[in-house]
Amino acid sequence: MLFKQQALLRQKLFVLGSLAIGSLLYLVARVGSLDRLQPLCPIDSRFGLRGQDEIPLRALQFKRGLLHEFRKGNATKEQIRLHNLVQQLPKAIIIGVRKGGTRALLEMLNLHPAVVKASQEIHFFDNDENYAKGIEWYRKKMPFSYSHQITIEKSPAYFITEEVPERIYKMNSSIKLLIIVREPTTRAISDYTQVLEGKERKNKTYYKFEKLAIDPNTCEVNTKYKAVRTSIYTKHLERWLKYFPIEQFHIVDGDRLITEPLPELQLVEKFLNLPPRISQYNLYFNATRGFYCLRFNIVFNKCLAGSKGRIHPEVDTSVITKLRKFFHPFNQKFYQITGRTFNWP
């Protein structure tokens, strides 16, 4: 009986040993075949990094790793020197408009390996106190980057602040300027909604949109109301055109950026003279959030803050009609100046 058990055990050990040896031989053969294959880099595939406009892969690595540490102030001067990193003045600025989609545009452009974004709104040109600190103060607010990358910042108050065009012109008369707009009435209501939410957080009361947007004495549109005034895009743009030619502006359709972002981003890439790198892979629709989120690679995704996409309050339809009628002639002039037409009422 003992002899039979020993024989059975030896037989099992033999089978297991054979399987182990077979697996080992398979792995050796597999490794050898892999060595002969052309390796596929998922970053190369994603960005199509080929030819003379190739972006160094190390730039992609540091954008998500080391550059993040530099922004937090955790890098040493030696690390900065070794990696040839600098703080550059912006070569492009998203100047507006408020509630047009400036944050979404900045984050989406940051998908491009040649773009580095300023994480916070700097408010250098629209804030007298900040502006008095000088251009070097502004430069030191910029993120670290490689010389071949371009830095972009966004401060939507720039578009409507009278002093800003001249101040930016003095810094760089050839800078590229991005304006993202939405249907003016929708933008005004979105502007109101953001302020309303802030008031509610502080347990403060606030007027209804209708009371702010319509002058109760004349029953006409209240142009003194900032949310309305900001949506008169052509009035602000005309002030900028005193300093910059229209060719230095690119108008982004903020409504389309929400529903179909890739074509808008491709137009911006072309305007900034960037090689095309952002693809549909980088953008995926999040049904829960109700808008597109960003995919940098197979492990790193990002959605905009939950404060984006707020639900607007119901507004009296007669007020919406009155506002759209008011904005219509300004919209037509905006189309003529920019050469871009939108499907606004």
Foldseek 3Di string as FASTA:
>chain_A
DVVVVVVVVVVVVVVVVVVVVVVVVVVVVVVVVVVVDDDDDQLCVQQVQDDDQGDDPVLVVCLPPVLVCVLVVNDDPVVCVVVQKAQDDALEEAQDAVQLCVVVLQVLLSLDSQEDEQPDAPCQQQDPVNVVVDDVSVSVSGTIHHPSHGYYYYDNVLLVRLRNLVVVCVVPLLGAYEYGHEQLVVQLLVVVVVVCVVCVVVVHDDDDPLPLQAPPVVRAGDCVRVSLVSSLNLVSVVSNCVRHPLLSYDYAHSVCCFVPNPVRSVVVCVSVVHDDRDDVVQWDQDVVLGTIWGDSDPPDTGDDDSVPPDDGDDDDVVSVVSSLVVSVVSLVVVCVRNVDHDPHD
